[in-house]
Amino acid sequence: MSSSDKPAGARYASFREFYPFYLGEHTNRTSRRLHVSGTLLALTLTLVALLSGRLALLWAVPVAGYAFAWVGHYFFEHNRPATFTHPFYSLCGDLAMMYEVLTGRIRW
């Protein structure tokens, strides 16, 4: 069984092993667009909150990131977000996928 064939609840020894599974859960283009948009918004909110000293904005960071991603999963991918079983690897996957989309390695 390859790492991309492992079920969502499987244990992964590393992010490198997890990432093919993560990408397999994000094959829908609209879902990827929502993920990247949510991740960019969450990063922007974090930066604005920290640079402006308006730390109350930080409450909106997970809302922005998760809202976009979960819409992508429930309405376009029709699967369960990996955040529920692999929160840290899922966050790393969001950032890696965003980077690959922005650099043209993955289709926007």
N, C-alpha and C. Protein backbone atom coordinates (compact mmCIF):
# COMPACT_ATOMS: atom_id res chain seq x y z
N MET A 1 0.85 -1.18 0.00
CA MET A 1 0.00 0.00 0.00
C MET A 1 0.90 1.23 0.00
N SER A 2 0.73 2.12 -0.96
CA SER A 2 1.51 3.35 -0.99
C SER A 2 0.92 4.34 -0.01
N SER A 3 1.71 5.38 0.33
CA SER A 3 1.24 6.35 1.31
C SER A 3 0.00 7.09 0.83
N SER A 4 -0.17 7.24 -0.49
CA SER A 4 -1.36 7.93 -0.99
C SER A 4 -2.59 7.05 -0.88
N ASP A 5 -2.40 5.73 -0.65
CA ASP A 5 -3.52 4.81 -0.51
C ASP A 5 -3.94 4.61 0.93
N LYS A 6 -3.20 5.16 1.86
CA LYS A 6 -3.54 5.00 3.27
C LYS A 6 -4.82 5.77 3.59
N PRO A 7 -5.63 5.23 4.48
CA PRO A 7 -6.85 5.95 4.88
C PRO A 7 -6.52 7.15 5.74
N ALA A 8 -7.50 8.02 5.89
CA ALA A 8 -7.32 9.28 6.63
C ALA A 8 -6.81 9.07 8.04
N GLY A 9 -7.26 8.03 8.73
CA GLY A 9 -6.87 7.81 10.11
C GLY A 9 -5.56 7.07 10.28
N ALA A 10 -4.89 6.73 9.19
CA ALA A 10 -3.64 5.98 9.26
C ALA A 10 -2.55 6.81 9.94
N ARG A 11 -1.56 6.13 10.46
CA ARG A 11 -0.41 6.81 11.06
C ARG A 11 0.62 7.06 9.97
N TYR A 12 1.20 8.24 10.02
CA TYR A 12 2.24 8.62 9.06
C TYR A 12 3.51 8.91 9.83
N ALA A 13 4.61 8.36 9.34
CA ALA A 13 5.89 8.51 10.04
C ALA A 13 6.50 9.89 9.82
N SER A 14 6.07 10.58 8.77
CA SER A 14 6.65 11.88 8.46
C SER A 14 5.67 12.66 7.59
N PHE A 15 5.94 13.96 7.47
CA PHE A 15 5.14 14.78 6.57
C PHE A 15 5.34 14.32 5.13
N ARG A 16 6.55 13.94 4.81
CA ARG A 16 6.85 13.45 3.45
C ARG A 16 5.95 12.27 3.08
N GLU A 17 5.70 11.41 4.04
CA GLU A 17 4.82 10.26 3.82
C GLU A 17 3.35 10.70 3.75
N PHE A 18 2.98 11.70 4.53
CA PHE A 18 1.60 12.19 4.59
C PHE A 18 1.20 12.99 3.35
N TYR A 19 2.12 13.76 2.80
CA TYR A 19 1.77 14.73 1.75
C TYR A 19 1.10 14.12 0.52
N PRO A 20 1.52 12.95 0.02
CA PRO A 20 0.78 12.36 -1.12
C PRO A 20 -0.69 12.09 -0.78
N PHE A 21 -0.94 11.62 0.46
CA PHE A 21 -2.33 11.43 0.89
C PHE A 21 -3.06 12.76 0.88
N TYR A 22 -2.42 13.79 1.44
CA TYR A 22 -3.02 15.12 1.50
C TYR A 22 -3.39 15.62 0.10
N LEU A 23 -2.47 15.51 -0.84
CA LEU A 23 -2.75 15.96 -2.21
C LEU A 23 -3.88 15.16 -2.84
N GLY A 24 -3.95 13.88 -2.52
CA GLY A 24 -5.04 13.04 -3.04
C GLY A 24 -6.41 13.45 -2.52
N GLU A 25 -6.43 14.12 -1.38
CA GLU A 25 -7.68 14.61 -0.80
C GLU A 25 -8.05 16.00 -1.32
N HIS A 26 -7.23 16.55 -2.23
CA HIS A 26 -7.43 17.89 -2.76
C HIS A 26 -7.30 17.90 -4.28
N THR A 27 -8.01 17.01 -4.93
CA THR A 27 -7.90 16.92 -6.39
C THR A 27 -8.84 17.88 -7.11
N ASN A 28 -9.89 18.32 -6.44
CA ASN A 28 -10.84 19.25 -7.04
C ASN A 28 -10.23 20.64 -7.09
N ARG A 29 -10.24 21.24 -8.27
CA ARG A 29 -9.61 22.55 -8.46
C ARG A 29 -10.26 23.64 -7.62
N THR A 30 -11.57 23.63 -7.52
CA THR A 30 -12.27 24.64 -6.70
C THR A 30 -11.88 24.49 -5.24
N SER A 31 -11.77 23.26 -4.78
CA SER A 31 -11.36 23.02 -3.40
C SER A 31 -9.95 23.55 -3.16
N ARG A 32 -9.03 23.30 -4.10
CA ARG A 32 -7.67 23.82 -3.95
C ARG A 32 -7.68 25.34 -3.91
N ARG A 33 -8.49 25.96 -4.76
CA ARG A 33 -8.58 27.42 -4.76
C ARG A 33 -9.09 27.93 -3.43
N LEU A 34 -10.08 27.27 -2.87
CA LEU A 34 -10.61 27.67 -1.57
C LEU A 34 -9.55 27.51 -0.48
N HIS A 35 -8.82 26.39 -0.52
CA HIS A 35 -7.76 26.16 0.47
C HIS A 35 -6.70 27.25 0.40
N VAL A 36 -6.23 27.53 -0.80
CA VAL A 36 -5.17 28.53 -0.97
C VAL A 36 -5.68 29.90 -0.54
N SER A 37 -6.90 30.24 -0.91
CA SER A 37 -7.48 31.53 -0.52
C SER A 37 -7.59 31.65 0.99
N GLY A 38 -8.08 30.60 1.63
CA GLY A 38 -8.20 30.61 3.09
C GLY A 38 -6.86 30.69 3.79
N THR A 39 -5.88 29.97 3.27
CA THR A 39 -4.54 30.00 3.86
C THR A 39 -3.91 31.38 3.71
N LEU A 40 -4.04 31.97 2.53
CA LEU A 40 -3.51 33.32 2.30
C LEU A 40 -4.20 34.34 3.21
N LEU A 41 -5.52 34.23 3.34
CA LEU A 41 -6.26 35.13 4.22
C LEU A 41 -5.82 34.96 5.67
N ALA A 42 -5.66 33.72 6.12
CA ALA A 42 -5.22 33.47 7.49
C ALA A 42 -3.82 34.04 7.74
N LEU A 43 -2.92 33.86 6.79
CA LEU A 43 -1.57 34.41 6.94
C LEU A 43 -1.59 35.94 6.94
N THR A 44 -2.42 36.52 6.09
CA THR A 44 -2.54 37.98 6.02
C THR A 44 -3.10 38.53 7.34
N LEU A 45 -4.14 37.89 7.86
CA LEU A 45 -4.71 38.32 9.14
C LEU A 45 -3.69 38.23 10.27
N THR A 46 -2.90 37.16 10.27
CA THR A 46 -1.87 37.00 11.29
C THR A 46 -0.86 38.14 11.21
N LEU A 47 -0.41 38.42 10.00
CA LEU A 47 0.57 39.49 9.80
C LEU A 47 0.01 40.84 10.22
N VAL A 48 -1.21 41.15 9.79
CA VAL A 48 -1.84 42.43 10.15
C VAL A 48 -2.00 42.54 11.66
N ALA A 49 -2.45 41.47 12.30
CA ALA A 49 -2.65 41.49 13.75
C ALA A 49 -1.34 41.75 14.48
N LEU A 50 -0.29 41.06 14.05
CA LEU A 50 1.00 41.19 14.74
C LEU A 50 1.66 42.54 14.46
N LEU A 51 1.59 43.00 13.22
CA LEU A 51 2.23 44.27 12.87
C LEU A 51 1.49 45.49 13.41
N SER A 52 0.17 45.38 13.50
CA SER A 52 -0.62 46.53 13.96
C SER A 52 -0.84 46.51 15.47
N GLY A 53 -0.55 45.38 16.10
CA GLY A 53 -0.80 45.27 17.53
C GLY A 53 -2.26 44.99 17.85
N ARG A 54 -3.07 44.78 16.83
CA ARG A 54 -4.50 44.48 17.03
C ARG A 54 -4.66 42.97 17.17
N LEU A 55 -4.22 42.46 18.30
CA LEU A 55 -4.18 41.02 18.51
C LEU A 55 -5.56 40.37 18.55
N ALA A 56 -6.60 41.16 18.74
CA ALA A 56 -7.96 40.61 18.72
C ALA A 56 -8.29 40.02 17.35
N LEU A 57 -7.58 40.45 16.31
CA LEU A 57 -7.79 39.89 14.97
C LEU A 57 -7.38 38.42 14.89
N LEU A 58 -6.57 37.98 15.81
CA LEU A 58 -6.08 36.60 15.75
C LEU A 58 -7.19 35.56 15.89
N TRP A 59 -8.31 35.94 16.51
CA TRP A 59 -9.43 35.00 16.61
C TRP A 59 -9.94 34.62 15.22
N ALA A 60 -9.79 35.51 14.25
CA ALA A 60 -10.31 35.27 12.90
C ALA A 60 -9.39 34.38 12.06
N VAL A 61 -8.17 34.16 12.50
CA VAL A 61 -7.21 33.37 11.71
C VAL A 61 -7.71 31.95 11.48
N PRO A 62 -8.03 31.18 12.52
CA PRO A 62 -8.51 29.82 12.25
C PRO A 62 -9.86 29.80 11.55
N VAL A 63 -10.69 30.79 11.84
CA VAL A 63 -12.00 30.85 11.17
C VAL A 63 -11.80 31.01 9.67
N ALA A 64 -10.94 31.93 9.27
CA ALA A 64 -10.69 32.16 7.84
C ALA A 64 -10.10 30.92 7.18
N GLY A 65 -9.10 30.35 7.80
CA GLY A 65 -8.46 29.18 7.20
C GLY A 65 -9.38 27.98 7.11
N TYR A 66 -10.05 27.66 8.21
CA TYR A 66 -10.91 26.47 8.23
C TYR A 66 -12.19 26.64 7.42
N ALA A 67 -12.79 27.81 7.45
CA ALA A 67 -14.06 28.01 6.74
C ALA A 67 -13.90 27.73 5.25
N PHE A 68 -12.88 28.31 4.64
CA PHE A 68 -12.66 28.09 3.20
C PHE A 68 -12.35 26.62 2.93
N ALA A 69 -11.46 26.03 3.73
CA ALA A 69 -11.05 24.65 3.52
C ALA A 69 -12.23 23.68 3.68
N TRP A 70 -13.02 23.87 4.72
CA TRP A 70 -14.11 22.95 4.96
C TRP A 70 -15.21 23.06 3.92
N VAL A 71 -15.44 24.25 3.39
CA VAL A 71 -16.38 24.37 2.26
C VAL A 71 -15.87 23.54 1.09
N GLY A 72 -14.55 23.63 0.84
CA GLY A 72 -13.95 22.84 -0.24
C GLY A 72 -14.14 21.35 -0.04
N HIS A 73 -13.95 20.88 1.19
CA HIS A 73 -14.10 19.45 1.45
C HIS A 73 -15.54 18.98 1.37
N TYR A 74 -16.43 19.70 2.01
CA TYR A 74 -17.81 19.22 2.10
C TYR A 74 -18.59 19.38 0.81
N PHE A 75 -18.34 20.44 0.04
CA PHE A 75 -19.14 20.68 -1.15
C PHE A 75 -18.46 20.30 -2.46
N PHE A 76 -17.14 20.17 -2.47
CA PHE A 76 -16.45 19.89 -3.73
C PHE A 76 -15.67 18.57 -3.69
N GLU A 77 -14.97 18.30 -2.63
CA GLU A 77 -14.22 17.04 -2.53
C GLU A 77 -15.09 15.90 -2.02
N HIS A 78 -16.09 16.23 -1.21
CA HIS A 78 -16.97 15.23 -0.58
C HIS A 78 -16.17 14.25 0.27
N ASN A 79 -15.25 14.80 1.06
CA ASN A 79 -14.47 13.98 1.98
C ASN A 79 -14.28 14.74 3.29
N ARG A 80 -13.70 14.07 4.24
CA ARG A 80 -13.50 14.64 5.58
C ARG A 80 -12.13 15.30 5.66
N PRO A 81 -12.04 16.52 6.14
CA PRO A 81 -10.74 17.19 6.24
C PRO A 81 -9.74 16.40 7.09
N ALA A 82 -8.50 16.37 6.65
CA ALA A 82 -7.44 15.67 7.39
C ALA A 82 -7.14 16.36 8.71
N THR A 83 -7.61 17.58 8.88
CA THR A 83 -7.39 18.32 10.13
C THR A 83 -7.89 17.54 11.33
N PHE A 84 -8.95 16.76 11.15
CA PHE A 84 -9.54 16.04 12.28
C PHE A 84 -8.65 14.91 12.79
N THR A 85 -7.84 14.33 11.91
CA THR A 85 -6.99 13.22 12.31
C THR A 85 -5.51 13.57 12.34
N HIS A 86 -5.11 14.56 11.56
CA HIS A 86 -3.70 14.95 11.47
C HIS A 86 -3.58 16.48 11.43
N PRO A 87 -3.87 17.16 12.54
CA PRO A 87 -3.92 18.63 12.51
C PRO A 87 -2.60 19.30 12.11
N PHE A 88 -1.47 18.84 12.65
CA PHE A 88 -0.20 19.49 12.33
C PHE A 88 0.21 19.22 10.88
N TYR A 89 0.15 17.95 10.46
CA TYR A 89 0.49 17.62 9.08
C TYR A 89 -0.46 18.30 8.10
N SER A 90 -1.71 18.45 8.48
CA SER A 90 -2.69 19.12 7.62
C SER A 90 -2.32 20.59 7.43
N LEU A 91 -1.94 21.26 8.50
CA LEU A 91 -1.50 22.65 8.40
C LEU A 91 -0.27 22.75 7.50
N CYS A 92 0.68 21.85 7.71
CA CYS A 92 1.87 21.83 6.84
C CYS A 92 1.47 21.58 5.39
N GLY A 93 0.49 20.71 5.18
CA GLY A 93 0.00 20.43 3.83
C GLY A 93 -0.63 21.65 3.20
N ASP A 94 -1.40 22.41 3.98
CA ASP A 94 -2.00 23.65 3.46
C ASP A 94 -0.91 24.60 2.99
N LEU A 95 0.12 24.76 3.80
CA LEU A 95 1.20 25.68 3.46
C LEU A 95 2.00 25.18 2.25
N ALA A 96 2.28 23.87 2.22
CA ALA A 96 3.03 23.30 1.10
C ALA A 96 2.23 23.40 -0.20
N MET A 97 0.93 23.07 -0.13
CA MET A 97 0.11 23.14 -1.33
C MET A 97 -0.02 24.59 -1.81
N MET A 98 -0.18 25.54 -0.88
CA MET A 98 -0.24 26.94 -1.26
C MET A 98 1.04 27.35 -1.99
N TYR A 99 2.18 26.96 -1.45
CA TYR A 99 3.46 27.28 -2.08
C TYR A 99 3.53 26.68 -3.48
N GLU A 100 3.12 25.42 -3.62
CA GLU A 100 3.19 24.76 -4.92
C GLU A 100 2.21 25.38 -5.93
N VAL A 101 1.06 25.84 -5.46
CA VAL A 101 0.11 26.52 -6.34
C VAL A 101 0.69 27.86 -6.77
N LEU A 102 1.22 28.62 -5.83
CA LEU A 102 1.75 29.95 -6.12
C LEU A 102 2.99 29.90 -7.01
N THR A 103 3.73 28.81 -6.95
CA THR A 103 4.93 28.67 -7.79
C THR A 103 4.66 27.92 -9.09
N GLY A 104 3.40 27.54 -9.31
CA GLY A 104 3.03 26.89 -10.56
C GLY A 104 3.26 25.39 -10.62
N ARG A 105 3.67 24.77 -9.53
CA ARG A 105 3.88 23.31 -9.53
C ARG A 105 2.57 22.54 -9.49
N ILE A 106 1.55 23.17 -8.92
CA ILE A 106 0.21 22.58 -8.90
C ILE A 106 -0.73 23.58 -9.59
N ARG A 107 -1.62 23.07 -10.41
CA ARG A 107 -2.53 23.93 -11.17
C ARG A 107 -3.50 24.67 -10.25
N TRP A 108 -3.63 25.95 -10.47
CA TRP A 108 -4.55 26.81 -9.71
C TRP A 108 -5.92 26.60 -10.24
